[in-house]
Amino acid sequence: MQPFFEPPHMPCEECGASVAREERDEHVCDQARRLDYVMFRLREEVEAFDQELVDYLHSPQGRFDAWLAERERKRRC
C-alpha cells in the first residue's frame, strides 16, 4: 500500500490537460490548448510587459533607441 493518495488523473506538463495516469504515454497535446497554457503560465510577464516598455522608453537608452529608429525610418522613406 502506498503512503499517499495518487489521483487517477494528473495535468500534462506541456498543455495542462487532465490525463488519466494509464493514458499518459498516449497523450498528444492540442496545440491551441498548449498555447493557452503557456500564456497562462506567463501571464505575470505578459501583464508586466507594457509597464516595462514604458519604463524603457523613458530611460536615456530607450529615448535614444526611439530617436534612432525614427531617424532610420525617415531616412528609408
PDB file of N, CA and C in Angstrom:
ATOM      1  N   MET A   1       0.845  -1.192   0.000  1.00  0.00           N
ATOM      2  CA  MET A   1       0.000   0.000   0.000  1.00  0.00           C
ATOM      3  C   MET A   1       0.886   1.251   0.000  1.00  0.00           C
ATOM      4  N   GLN A   2       0.538   2.199  -0.847  1.00  0.00           N
ATOM      5  CA  GLN A   2       1.313   3.420  -0.947  1.00  0.00           C
ATOM      6  C   GLN A   2       0.932   4.377   0.175  1.00  0.00           C
ATOM      7  N   PRO A   3       1.907   5.150   0.669  1.00  0.00           N
ATOM      8  CA  PRO A   3       1.624   6.040   1.799  1.00  0.00           C
ATOM      9  C   PRO A   3       0.777   7.255   1.441  1.00  0.00           C
ATOM     10  N   PHE A   4       0.753   7.637   0.154  1.00  0.00           N
ATOM     11  CA  PHE A   4      -0.005   8.816  -0.250  1.00  0.00           C
ATOM     12  C   PHE A   4      -1.028   8.455  -1.315  1.00  0.00           C
ATOM     13  N   PHE A   5      -2.132   9.182  -1.308  1.00  0.00           N
ATOM     14  CA  PHE A   5      -3.178   9.008  -2.320  1.00  0.00           C
ATOM     15  C   PHE A   5      -2.669   9.501  -3.661  1.00  0.00           C
ATOM     16  N   GLU A   6      -2.817   8.720  -4.691  1.00  0.00           N
ATOM     17  CA  GLU A   6      -2.459   9.133  -6.038  1.00  0.00           C
ATOM     18  C   GLU A   6      -3.733   9.331  -6.833  1.00  0.00           C
ATOM     19  N   PRO A   7      -3.973  10.570  -7.296  1.00  0.00           N
ATOM     20  CA  PRO A   7      -5.199  10.824  -8.054  1.00  0.00           C
ATOM     21  C   PRO A   7      -5.178  10.068  -9.382  1.00  0.00           C
ATOM     22  N   PRO A   8      -6.351   9.725  -9.892  1.00  0.00           N
ATOM     23  CA  PRO A   8      -6.412   8.975 -11.152  1.00  0.00           C
ATOM     24  C   PRO A   8      -5.989   9.798 -12.372  1.00  0.00           C
ATOM     25  N   HIS A   9      -6.076  11.112 -12.268  1.00  0.00           N
ATOM     26  CA  HIS A   9      -5.697  11.990 -13.381  1.00  0.00           C
ATOM     27  C   HIS A   9      -4.652  12.990 -12.886  1.00  0.00           C
ATOM     28  N   MET A  10      -3.751  13.341 -13.788  1.00  0.00           N
ATOM     29  CA  MET A  10      -2.724  14.336 -13.491  1.00  0.00           C
ATOM     30  C   MET A  10      -2.659  15.317 -14.667  1.00  0.00           C
ATOM     31  N   PRO A  11      -2.285  16.570 -14.393  1.00  0.00           N
ATOM     32  CA  PRO A  11      -2.185  17.522 -15.503  1.00  0.00           C
ATOM     33  C   PRO A  11      -0.951  17.250 -16.359  1.00  0.00           C
ATOM     34  N   CYS A  12      -1.110  17.408 -17.645  1.00  0.00           N
ATOM     35  CA  CYS A  12       0.010  17.299 -18.576  1.00  0.00           C
ATOM     36  C   CYS A  12       0.928  18.498 -18.327  1.00  0.00           C
ATOM     37  N   GLU A  13       2.213  18.268 -18.282  1.00  0.00           N
ATOM     38  CA  GLU A  13       3.155  19.353 -18.027  1.00  0.00           C
ATOM     39  C   GLU A  13       3.270  20.319 -19.204  1.00  0.00           C
ATOM     40  N   GLU A  14       2.915  19.873 -20.393  1.00  0.00           N
ATOM     41  CA  GLU A  14       3.035  20.706 -21.584  1.00  0.00           C
ATOM     42  C   GLU A  14       1.790  21.541 -21.878  1.00  0.00           C
ATOM     43  N   CYS A  15       0.593  20.955 -21.647  1.00  0.00           N
ATOM     44  CA  CYS A  15      -0.631  21.665 -22.028  1.00  0.00           C
ATOM     45  C   CYS A  15      -1.619  21.839 -20.879  1.00  0.00           C
ATOM     46  N   GLY A  16      -1.369  21.204 -19.746  1.00  0.00           N
ATOM     47  CA  GLY A  16      -2.241  21.350 -18.592  1.00  0.00           C
ATOM     48  C   GLY A  16      -3.490  20.500 -18.618  1.00  0.00           C
ATOM     49  N   ALA A  17      -3.684  19.714 -19.660  1.00  0.00           N
ATOM     50  CA  ALA A  17      -4.882  18.877 -19.759  1.00  0.00           C
ATOM     51  C   ALA A  17      -4.845  17.787 -18.689  1.00  0.00           C
ATOM     52  N   SER A  18      -6.010  17.458 -18.174  1.00  0.00           N
ATOM     53  CA  SER A  18      -6.119  16.370 -17.210  1.00  0.00           C
ATOM     54  C   SER A  18      -6.047  15.046 -17.970  1.00  0.00           C
ATOM     55  N   VAL A  19      -5.042  14.240 -17.626  1.00  0.00           N
ATOM     56  CA  VAL A  19      -4.798  12.994 -18.345  1.00  0.00           C
ATOM     57  C   VAL A  19      -4.792  11.840 -17.346  1.00  0.00           C
ATOM     58  N   ALA A  20      -5.527  10.776 -17.680  1.00  0.00           N
ATOM     59  CA  ALA A  20      -5.532   9.590 -16.825  1.00  0.00           C
ATOM     60  C   ALA A  20      -4.108   9.037 -16.754  1.00  0.00           C
ATOM     61  N   ARG A  21      -3.720   8.583 -15.582  1.00  0.00           N
ATOM     62  CA  ARG A  21      -2.363   8.071 -15.399  1.00  0.00           C
ATOM     63  C   ARG A  21      -2.011   6.992 -16.414  1.00  0.00           C
ATOM     64  N   GLU A  22      -2.948   6.096 -16.679  1.00  0.00           N
ATOM     65  CA  GLU A  22      -2.657   4.995 -17.595  1.00  0.00           C
ATOM     66  C   GLU A  22      -2.614   5.437 -19.059  1.00  0.00           C
ATOM     67  N   GLU A  23      -3.023   6.684 -19.359  1.00  0.00           N
ATOM     68  CA  GLU A  23      -3.033   7.193 -20.735  1.00  0.00           C
ATOM     69  C   GLU A  23      -1.932   8.227 -20.986  1.00  0.00           C
ATOM     70  N   ARG A  24      -1.044   8.432 -20.018  1.00  0.00           N
ATOM     71  CA  ARG A  24      -0.005   9.459 -20.161  1.00  0.00           C
ATOM     72  C   ARG A  24       0.879   9.251 -21.387  1.00  0.00           C
ATOM     73  N   ASP A  25       1.250   8.019 -21.653  1.00  0.00           N
ATOM     74  CA  ASP A  25       2.148   7.747 -22.776  1.00  0.00           C
ATOM     75  C   ASP A  25       1.494   7.995 -24.132  1.00  0.00           C
ATOM     76  N   GLU A  26       0.176   7.864 -24.214  1.00  0.00           N
ATOM     77  CA  GLU A  26      -0.531   8.044 -25.483  1.00  0.00           C
ATOM     78  C   GLU A  26      -1.029   9.475 -25.683  1.00  0.00           C
ATOM     79  N   HIS A  27      -0.926  10.293 -24.655  1.00  0.00           N
ATOM     80  CA  HIS A  27      -1.468  11.657 -24.717  1.00  0.00           C
ATOM     81  C   HIS A  27      -0.740  12.492 -25.772  1.00  0.00           C
ATOM     82  N   VAL A  28      -1.510  13.201 -26.589  1.00  0.00           N
ATOM     83  CA  VAL A  28      -0.983  14.149 -27.570  1.00  0.00           C
ATOM     84  C   VAL A  28      -1.600  15.503 -27.250  1.00  0.00           C
ATOM     85  N   CYS A  29      -0.759  16.497 -27.054  1.00  0.00           N
ATOM     86  CA  CYS A  29      -1.244  17.825 -26.685  1.00  0.00           C
ATOM     87  C   CYS A  29      -1.928  18.508 -27.868  1.00  0.00           C
ATOM     88  N   ASP A  30      -3.052  19.164 -27.598  1.00  0.00           N
ATOM     89  CA  ASP A  30      -3.715  20.021 -28.571  1.00  0.00           C
ATOM     90  C   ASP A  30      -2.925  21.336 -28.610  1.00  0.00           C
ATOM     91  N   GLN A  31      -2.513  21.766 -29.790  1.00  0.00           N
ATOM     92  CA  GLN A  31      -1.653  22.947 -29.911  1.00  0.00           C
ATOM     93  C   GLN A  31      -2.307  24.218 -29.378  1.00  0.00           C
ATOM     94  N   ALA A  32      -3.597  24.394 -29.610  1.00  0.00           N
ATOM     95  CA  ALA A  32      -4.292  25.589 -29.114  1.00  0.00           C
ATOM     96  C   ALA A  32      -4.331  25.573 -27.592  1.00  0.00           C
ATOM     97  N   ARG A  33      -4.599  24.415 -27.014  1.00  0.00           N
ATOM     98  CA  ARG A  33      -4.621  24.303 -25.557  1.00  0.00           C
ATOM     99  C   ARG A  33      -3.229  24.539 -24.985  1.00  0.00           C
ATOM    100  N   ARG A  34      -2.207  24.021 -25.666  1.00  0.00           N
ATOM    101  CA  ARG A  34      -0.831  24.212 -25.200  1.00  0.00           C
ATOM    102  C   ARG A  34      -0.474  25.694 -25.197  1.00  0.00           C
ATOM    103  N   LEU A  35      -0.838  26.404 -26.260  1.00  0.00           N
ATOM    104  CA  LEU A  35      -0.570  27.841 -26.322  1.00  0.00           C
ATOM    105  C   LEU A  35      -1.277  28.579 -25.187  1.00  0.00           C
ATOM    106  N   ASP A  36      -2.547  28.253 -24.955  1.00  0.00           N
ATOM    107  CA  ASP A  36      -3.286  28.875 -23.850  1.00  0.00           C
ATOM    108  C   ASP A  36      -2.601  28.610 -22.511  1.00  0.00           C
ATOM    109  N   TYR A  37      -2.125  27.385 -22.337  1.00  0.00           N
ATOM    110  CA  TYR A  37      -1.481  27.007 -21.080  1.00  0.00           C
ATOM    111  C   TYR A  37      -0.160  27.753 -20.893  1.00  0.00           C
ATOM    112  N   VAL A  38       0.610  27.871 -21.962  1.00  0.00           N
ATOM    113  CA  VAL A  38       1.873  28.608 -21.884  1.00  0.00           C
ATOM    114  C   VAL A  38       1.599  30.073 -21.562  1.00  0.00           C
ATOM    115  N   MET A  39       0.616  30.665 -22.231  1.00  0.00           N
ATOM    116  CA  MET A  39       0.267  32.061 -21.949  1.00  0.00           C
ATOM    117  C   MET A  39      -0.232  32.231 -20.521  1.00  0.00           C
ATOM    118  N   PHE A  40      -0.978  31.256 -20.015  1.00  0.00           N
ATOM    119  CA  PHE A  40      -1.440  31.305 -18.634  1.00  0.00           C
ATOM    120  C   PHE A  40      -0.248  31.300 -17.686  1.00  0.00           C
ATOM    121  N   ARG A  41       0.731  30.446 -17.954  1.00  0.00           N
ATOM    122  CA  ARG A  41       1.895  30.369 -17.076  1.00  0.00           C
ATOM    123  C   ARG A  41       2.748  31.634 -17.159  1.00  0.00           C
ATOM    124  N   LEU A  42       2.695  32.337 -18.273  1.00  0.00           N
ATOM    125  CA  LEU A  42       3.482  33.554 -18.454  1.00  0.00           C
ATOM    126  C   LEU A  42       2.683  34.825 -18.200  1.00  0.00           C
ATOM    127  N   ARG A  43       1.491  34.686 -17.649  1.00  0.00           N
ATOM    128  CA  ARG A  43       0.578  35.834 -17.533  1.00  0.00           C
ATOM    129  C   ARG A  43       1.192  37.006 -16.769  1.00  0.00           C
ATOM    130  N   GLU A  44       1.985  36.761 -15.729  1.00  0.00           N
ATOM    131  CA  GLU A  44       2.577  37.868 -14.977  1.00  0.00           C
ATOM    132  C   GLU A  44       3.592  38.622 -15.827  1.00  0.00           C
ATOM    133  N   GLU A  45       4.375  37.887 -16.622  1.00  0.00           N
ATOM    134  CA  GLU A  45       5.331  38.540 -17.502  1.00  0.00           C
ATOM    135  C   GLU A  45       4.625  39.312 -18.605  1.00  0.00           C
ATOM    136  N   VAL A  46       3.547  38.757 -19.145  1.00  0.00           N
ATOM    137  CA  VAL A  46       2.788  39.428 -20.201  1.00  0.00           C
ATOM    138  C   VAL A  46       2.163  40.709 -19.649  1.00  0.00           C
ATOM    139  N   GLU A  47       1.612  40.636 -18.439  1.00  0.00           N
ATOM    140  CA  GLU A  47       1.000  41.811 -17.825  1.00  0.00           C
ATOM    141  C   GLU A  47       2.035  42.890 -17.532  1.00  0.00           C
ATOM    142  N   ALA A  48       3.254  42.499 -17.197  1.00  0.00           N
ATOM    143  CA  ALA A  48       4.299  43.464 -16.853  1.00  0.00           C
ATOM    144  C   ALA A  48       4.942  44.094 -18.082  1.00  0.00           C
ATOM    145  N   PHE A  49       4.759  43.491 -19.258  1.00  0.00           N
ATOM    146  CA  PHE A  49       5.447  43.964 -20.462  1.00  0.00           C
ATOM    147  C   PHE A  49       5.164  45.428 -20.767  1.00  0.00           C
ATOM    148  N   ASP A  50       3.909  45.848 -20.746  1.00  0.00           N
ATOM    149  CA  ASP A  50       3.566  47.228 -21.097  1.00  0.00           C
ATOM    150  C   ASP A  50       4.300  48.232 -20.209  1.00  0.00           C
ATOM    151  N   GLN A  51       4.303  47.978 -18.901  1.00  0.00           N
ATOM    152  CA  GLN A  51       4.970  48.910 -17.992  1.00  0.00           C
ATOM    153  C   GLN A  51       6.477  48.887 -18.191  1.00  0.00           C
ATOM    154  N   GLU A  52       7.036  47.722 -18.433  1.00  0.00           N
ATOM    155  CA  GLU A  52       8.478  47.630 -18.680  1.00  0.00           C
ATOM    156  C   GLU A  52       8.853  48.383 -19.955  1.00  0.00           C
ATOM    157  N   LEU A  53       8.003  48.299 -20.981  1.00  0.00           N
ATOM    158  CA  LEU A  53       8.257  49.029 -22.218  1.00  0.00           C
ATOM    159  C   LEU A  53       8.196  50.531 -21.983  1.00  0.00           C
ATOM    160  N   VAL A  54       7.189  50.994 -21.264  1.00  0.00           N
ATOM    161  CA  VAL A  54       7.079  52.420 -20.952  1.00  0.00           C
ATOM    162  C   VAL A  54       8.307  52.886 -20.171  1.00  0.00           C
ATOM    163  N   ASP A  55       8.701  52.103 -19.173  1.00  0.00           N
ATOM    164  CA  ASP A  55       9.882  52.461 -18.373  1.00  0.00           C
ATOM    165  C   ASP A  55      11.131  52.539 -19.246  1.00  0.00           C
ATOM    166  N   TYR A  56      11.281  51.568 -20.135  1.00  0.00           N
ATOM    167  CA  TYR A  56      12.447  51.559 -21.022  1.00  0.00           C
ATOM    168  C   TYR A  56      12.431  52.774 -21.945  1.00  0.00           C
ATOM    169  N   LEU A  57      11.285  53.074 -22.544  1.00  0.00           N
ATOM    170  CA  LEU A  57      11.218  54.196 -23.476  1.00  0.00           C
ATOM    171  C   LEU A  57      11.444  55.543 -22.794  1.00  0.00           C
ATOM    172  N   HIS A  58      11.265  55.595 -21.477  1.00  0.00           N
ATOM    173  CA  HIS A  58      11.533  56.825 -20.740  1.00  0.00           C
ATOM    174  C   HIS A  58      12.973  56.885 -20.229  1.00  0.00           C
ATOM    175  N   SER A  59      13.717  55.829 -20.383  1.00  0.00           N
ATOM    176  CA  SER A  59      15.120  55.807 -19.952  1.00  0.00           C
ATOM    177  C   SER A  59      15.972  56.469 -21.035  1.00  0.00           C
ATOM    178  N   PRO A  60      17.194  56.913 -20.680  1.00  0.00           N
ATOM    179  CA  PRO A  60      18.076  57.503 -21.699  1.00  0.00           C
ATOM    180  C   PRO A  60      18.320  56.569 -22.885  1.00  0.00           C
ATOM    181  N   GLN A  61      18.566  55.300 -22.635  1.00  0.00           N
ATOM    182  CA  GLN A  61      18.802  54.343 -23.717  1.00  0.00           C
ATOM    183  C   GLN A  61      17.550  54.183 -24.582  1.00  0.00           C
ATOM    184  N   GLY A  62      16.383  54.130 -23.946  1.00  0.00           N
ATOM    185  CA  GLY A  62      15.136  53.985 -24.685  1.00  0.00           C
ATOM    186  C   GLY A  62      14.830  55.200 -25.545  1.00  0.00           C
ATOM    187  N   ARG A  63      15.073  56.386 -25.005  1.00  0.00           N
ATOM    188  CA  ARG A  63      14.856  57.612 -25.794  1.00  0.00           C
ATOM    189  C   ARG A  63      15.796  57.650 -26.994  1.00  0.00           C
ATOM    190  N   PHE A  64      17.044  57.257 -26.777  1.00  0.00           N
ATOM    191  CA  PHE A  64      17.994  57.226 -27.886  1.00  0.00           C
ATOM    192  C   PHE A  64      17.560  56.218 -28.945  1.00  0.00           C
ATOM    193  N   ASP A  65      17.173  55.023 -28.512  1.00  0.00           N
ATOM    194  CA  ASP A  65      16.749  53.989 -29.461  1.00  0.00           C
ATOM    195  C   ASP A  65      15.518  54.425 -30.244  1.00  0.00           C
ATOM    196  N   ALA A  66      14.574  55.096 -29.582  1.00  0.00           N
ATOM    197  CA  ALA A  66      13.378  55.589 -30.272  1.00  0.00           C
ATOM    198  C   ALA A  66      13.761  56.676 -31.287  1.00  0.00           C
ATOM    199  N   TRP A  67      14.660  57.562 -30.875  1.00  0.00           N
ATOM    200  CA  TRP A  67      15.137  58.601 -31.800  1.00  0.00           C
ATOM    201  C   TRP A  67      15.831  57.985 -33.006  1.00  0.00           C
ATOM    202  N   LEU A  68      16.712  57.000 -32.758  1.00  0.00           N
ATOM    203  CA  LEU A  68      17.447  56.357 -33.834  1.00  0.00           C
ATOM    204  C   LEU A  68      16.505  55.604 -34.784  1.00  0.00           C
ATOM    205  N   ALA A  69      15.511  54.936 -34.231  1.00  0.00           N
ATOM    206  CA  ALA A  69      14.545  54.216 -35.068  1.00  0.00           C
ATOM    207  C   ALA A  69      13.758  55.184 -35.940  1.00  0.00           C
ATOM    208  N   GLU A  70      13.350  56.315 -35.379  1.00  0.00           N
ATOM    209  CA  GLU A  70      12.619  57.331 -36.148  1.00  0.00           C
ATOM    210  C   GLU A  70      13.507  57.903 -37.244  1.00  0.00           C
ATOM    211  N   ARG A  71      14.753  58.154 -36.924  1.00  0.00           N
ATOM    212  CA  ARG A  71      15.708  58.672 -37.906  1.00  0.00           C
ATOM    213  C   ARG A  71      15.894  57.682 -39.062  1.00  0.00           C
ATOM    214  N   GLU A  72      16.045  56.402 -38.724  1.00  0.00           N
ATOM    215  CA  GLU A  72      16.210  55.378 -39.771  1.00  0.00           C
ATOM    216  C   GLU A  72      14.938  55.243 -40.618  1.00  0.00           C
ATOM    217  N   ARG A  73      13.800  55.333 -39.969  1.00  0.00           N
ATOM    218  CA  ARG A  73      12.534  55.230 -40.705  1.00  0.00           C
ATOM    219  C   ARG A  73      12.415  56.382 -41.714  1.00  0.00           C
ATOM    220  N   LYS A  74      12.724  57.586 -41.280  1.00  0.00           N
ATOM    221  CA  LYS A  74      12.628  58.748 -42.174  1.00  0.00           C
ATOM    222  C   LYS A  74      13.671  58.656 -43.289  1.00  0.00           C
ATOM    223  N   ARG A  75      14.848  58.137 -42.994  1.00  0.00           N
ATOM    224  CA  ARG A  75      15.905  58.029 -43.983  1.00  0.00           C
ATOM    225  C   ARG A  75      15.519  57.044 -45.100  1.00  0.00           C
ATOM    226  N   ARG A  76      14.771  56.012 -44.750  1.00  0.00           N
ATOM    227  CA  ARG A  76      14.370  55.000 -45.740  1.00  0.00           C
ATOM    228  C   ARG A  76      13.224  55.474 -46.634  1.00  0.00           C
ATOM    229  N   CYS A  77      12.475  56.454 -46.181  1.00  0.00           N
ATOM    230  CA  CYS A  77      11.325  56.944 -46.974  1.00  0.00           C
ATOM    231  C   CYS A  77      11.717  57.862 -48.076  1.00  0.00           C
TER     232      CYS A  77
END
